[in-house]
Structures are given as C-alpha cells and as structure tokens.
Amino acid sequence: MAVNGSTEFEIKASPEKVMAVLVDVESLPKWSSSHRKVEVRSRDEQGRPQRVWMAISTLGINDEQLVDYRFTDNTVEWSLVEPSNQQKAQDGSYVLSPSSAGTRLTFELTVDLKIPMPGFLVKRGQKMALETASKGLTKYVEEQA
C-alpha cells in the first residue's frame, strides 16, 4: 500500500541557494538523519546527479536504494529505479518558488512498502521524512547562506 505525504515550508535563502543544496545530494547525510551514505553513480550533461545509490535508516529499518533524479530550474524529482529491500516504489519531489522570505518549497513523497507495517509506524516514518525534508533542509540551507 502506497503512503503519500506532503508539506510546504519557507527557507530564508534564494531559490538558487536552495537548489544548490538539493543538487548536492552527497550533502544529504549532513541534513537528513535518515541518510547514512550517498554515492553518485552517474551525472547528467550539466553535471547534476542522475543515478544515486543511498544507504538509509528510518525507525531502525535499514535499506539501500538506487534512485534516478530529474531537475528543472525549479524542481527536483526522484524515483526508485528498482525495488529495494524495503520498498516496491518511491517517488519524491521538491518544487521551489520565490517568496518574500526567500524560497517557498513544496515537498511530496510517495512510498510503497514491501512489507506490511503497523499503521502507527508508517505514520511515524512519514512524519520523520516530512520533518527532515522541512526542518533539516531549512536549518542546513540557512546555515550555509
């Protein structure tokens, strides 16, 4: 069963600075407590990450994922290339837009788990992902600005 979540938040930095952090996927372990290790396996013609391997741990559940990234001027999207040990599928995105504070972001994540889990654990994992995407990213970007 797929689980969907989304959140909107603002960062006091320009969209260009926020995008620079999102493109630097190797910095994910610095601001996302779930990401243990990240390796870029291939890059697009502009040098941005395209295929990325990640070791993650959420709620004590470890997984390795291979994801493909896609970028536009104001979006970052990714999808699981093949099922991982814990997930059948995963799709996520950040959409950036200028705001009076700096940048408004919309983060969306859909995860289809392989193994059945109690609803409260699924909700806790989803809450952690949304908080990391907003609070962790915000803190990291604003410290860099």
Protein backbone atom coordinates (compact mmCIF):
# COMPACT_ATOMS: atom_id res chain seq x y z
CA MET A 1 0.00 0.00 0.00
CA ALA A 2 1.45 3.36 -1.04
CA VAL A 3 1.79 6.10 1.56
CA ASN A 4 1.65 9.74 0.44
CA GLY A 5 2.78 12.82 2.28
CA SER A 6 3.45 16.45 1.51
CA THR A 7 4.44 19.63 3.26
CA GLU A 8 5.01 23.28 2.36
CA PHE A 9 7.59 25.47 4.07
CA GLU A 10 9.80 28.53 3.58
CA ILE A 11 13.55 28.93 3.71
CA LYS A 12 15.28 32.28 4.20
CA ALA A 13 17.54 31.87 1.19
CA SER A 14 17.25 32.40 -2.55
CA PRO A 15 15.85 29.63 -4.75
CA GLU A 16 19.32 29.34 -6.33
CA LYS A 17 20.94 28.63 -2.94
CA VAL A 18 18.26 26.11 -2.01
CA MET A 19 18.59 24.38 -5.40
CA ALA A 20 22.37 24.23 -5.00
CA VAL A 21 21.94 22.27 -1.75
CA LEU A 22 19.34 19.95 -3.32
CA VAL A 23 21.63 19.27 -6.30
CA ASP A 24 24.46 18.44 -3.88
CA VAL A 25 22.93 15.07 -2.99
CA GLU A 26 26.20 14.00 -1.40
CA SER A 27 25.41 16.50 1.40
CA LEU A 28 22.17 14.64 2.31
CA PRO A 29 23.73 12.90 5.35
CA LYS A 30 24.59 16.36 6.73
CA TRP A 31 20.94 17.43 6.96
CA SER A 32 18.90 14.22 6.74
CA SER A 33 19.22 11.89 9.73
CA SER A 34 17.85 9.02 7.61
CA HIS A 35 20.64 9.13 5.03
CA ARG A 36 23.76 7.24 6.11
CA LYS A 37 25.71 7.23 2.84
CA VAL A 38 25.15 8.63 -0.65
CA GLU A 39 27.09 7.83 -3.82
CA VAL A 40 26.51 9.46 -7.19
CA ARG A 41 26.71 6.72 -9.84
CA SER A 42 26.11 8.93 -12.90
CA ARG A 43 25.58 12.58 -13.79
CA ASP A 44 23.59 14.34 -16.50
CA GLU A 45 25.14 16.53 -19.21
CA GLN A 46 25.07 19.51 -16.82
CA GLY A 47 26.96 17.62 -14.10
CA ARG A 48 23.94 17.15 -11.84
CA PRO A 49 23.37 13.78 -10.14
CA GLN A 50 21.32 11.41 -12.25
CA ARG A 51 21.59 7.92 -10.73
CA VAL A 52 22.31 7.83 -7.00
CA TRP A 53 22.79 4.98 -4.51
CA MET A 54 21.77 5.63 -0.90
CA ALA A 55 22.02 3.75 2.37
CA ILE A 56 19.23 4.87 4.68
CA SER A 57 17.89 4.03 8.11
CA THR A 58 14.47 5.07 9.38
CA LEU A 59 12.96 3.84 12.64
CA GLY A 60 15.73 1.25 12.84
CA ILE A 61 14.89 -0.17 9.41
CA ASN A 62 17.87 -0.15 7.06
CA ASP A 63 17.60 -0.04 3.30
CA GLU A 64 19.69 0.58 0.22
CA GLN A 65 18.12 2.44 -2.66
CA LEU A 66 19.05 3.26 -6.23
CA VAL A 67 17.19 6.37 -7.42
CA ASP A 68 17.10 8.44 -10.59
CA TYR A 69 16.99 12.24 -10.24
CA ARG A 70 15.48 14.75 -12.66
CA PHE A 71 15.98 18.51 -12.45
CA THR A 72 14.41 21.63 -13.93
CA ASP A 73 15.06 25.24 -12.93
CA ASN A 74 12.60 24.96 -10.02
CA THR A 75 12.05 21.23 -9.39
CA VAL A 76 13.93 18.22 -8.12
CA GLU A 77 12.26 14.86 -8.66
CA TRP A 78 13.41 11.33 -7.94
CA SER A 79 12.14 7.79 -8.37
CA LEU A 80 13.30 4.42 -7.15
CA VAL A 81 14.93 2.64 -10.12
CA GLU A 82 14.10 -0.84 -8.89
CA PRO A 83 12.51 -2.24 -5.75
CA SER A 84 14.78 -2.06 -2.70
CA ASN A 85 14.82 -4.44 0.25
CA GLN A 86 12.04 -2.45 1.97
CA GLN A 87 10.20 -0.60 -0.83
CA LYS A 88 8.37 -1.50 -4.01
CA ALA A 89 8.43 2.10 -5.22
CA GLN A 90 9.29 5.64 -4.17
CA ASP A 91 8.64 8.96 -5.89
CA GLY A 92 9.52 12.34 -4.44
CA SER A 93 9.83 15.96 -5.42
CA TYR A 94 10.69 19.45 -4.28
CA VAL A 95 9.12 22.41 -6.07
CA LEU A 96 10.73 25.78 -5.38
CA SER A 97 9.24 29.23 -5.88
CA PRO A 98 10.44 32.68 -4.83
CA SER A 99 8.74 34.14 -1.77
CA SER A 100 9.03 37.26 0.36
CA ALA A 101 11.04 35.23 2.90
CA GLY A 102 13.30 33.72 0.23
CA THR A 103 12.03 30.40 -1.13
CA ARG A 104 8.77 28.52 -0.72
CA LEU A 105 9.10 24.75 -1.11
CA THR A 106 6.54 22.05 -1.64
CA PHE A 107 7.84 18.59 -0.77
CA GLU A 108 5.94 15.46 -1.80
CA LEU A 109 6.84 11.84 -1.14
CA THR A 110 5.09 8.61 -2.05
CA VAL A 111 6.47 5.32 -0.75
CA ASP A 112 5.10 1.85 -1.45
CA LEU A 113 6.43 -0.52 1.21
CA LYS A 114 7.15 -4.19 0.51
CA ILE A 115 6.36 -5.46 3.98
CA PRO A 116 3.19 -4.74 5.93
CA MET A 117 3.85 -2.45 8.89
CA PRO A 118 1.58 -1.27 11.69
CA GLY A 119 -0.14 1.99 10.80
CA PHE A 120 1.43 3.91 13.67
CA LEU A 121 4.95 3.01 12.44
CA VAL A 122 4.10 4.05 8.89
CA LYS A 123 2.74 7.39 10.15
CA ARG A 124 5.80 7.93 12.35
CA GLY A 125 8.15 7.21 9.43
CA GLN A 126 6.16 9.56 7.20
CA LYS A 127 6.26 12.30 9.85
CA MET A 128 10.03 11.88 10.19
CA ALA A 129 10.52 12.14 6.41
CA LEU A 130 8.42 15.31 6.20
CA GLU A 131 10.16 16.91 9.19
CA THR A 132 13.61 16.07 7.82
CA ALA A 133 12.63 17.50 4.45
CA SER A 134 11.49 20.74 6.02
CA LYS A 135 13.38 21.30 9.26
CA GLY A 136 16.66 19.59 8.36
CA LEU A 137 16.88 21.20 4.94
CA THR A 138 15.86 24.63 6.26
CA LYS A 139 18.47 24.59 9.03
CA TYR A 140 21.23 23.39 6.71
CA VAL A 141 20.49 25.91 3.92
CA GLU A 142 20.11 28.85 6.31
CA GLU A 143 23.44 27.98 7.99
CA GLN A 144 25.10 27.95 4.55
CA ALA A 145 23.58 31.30 3.47
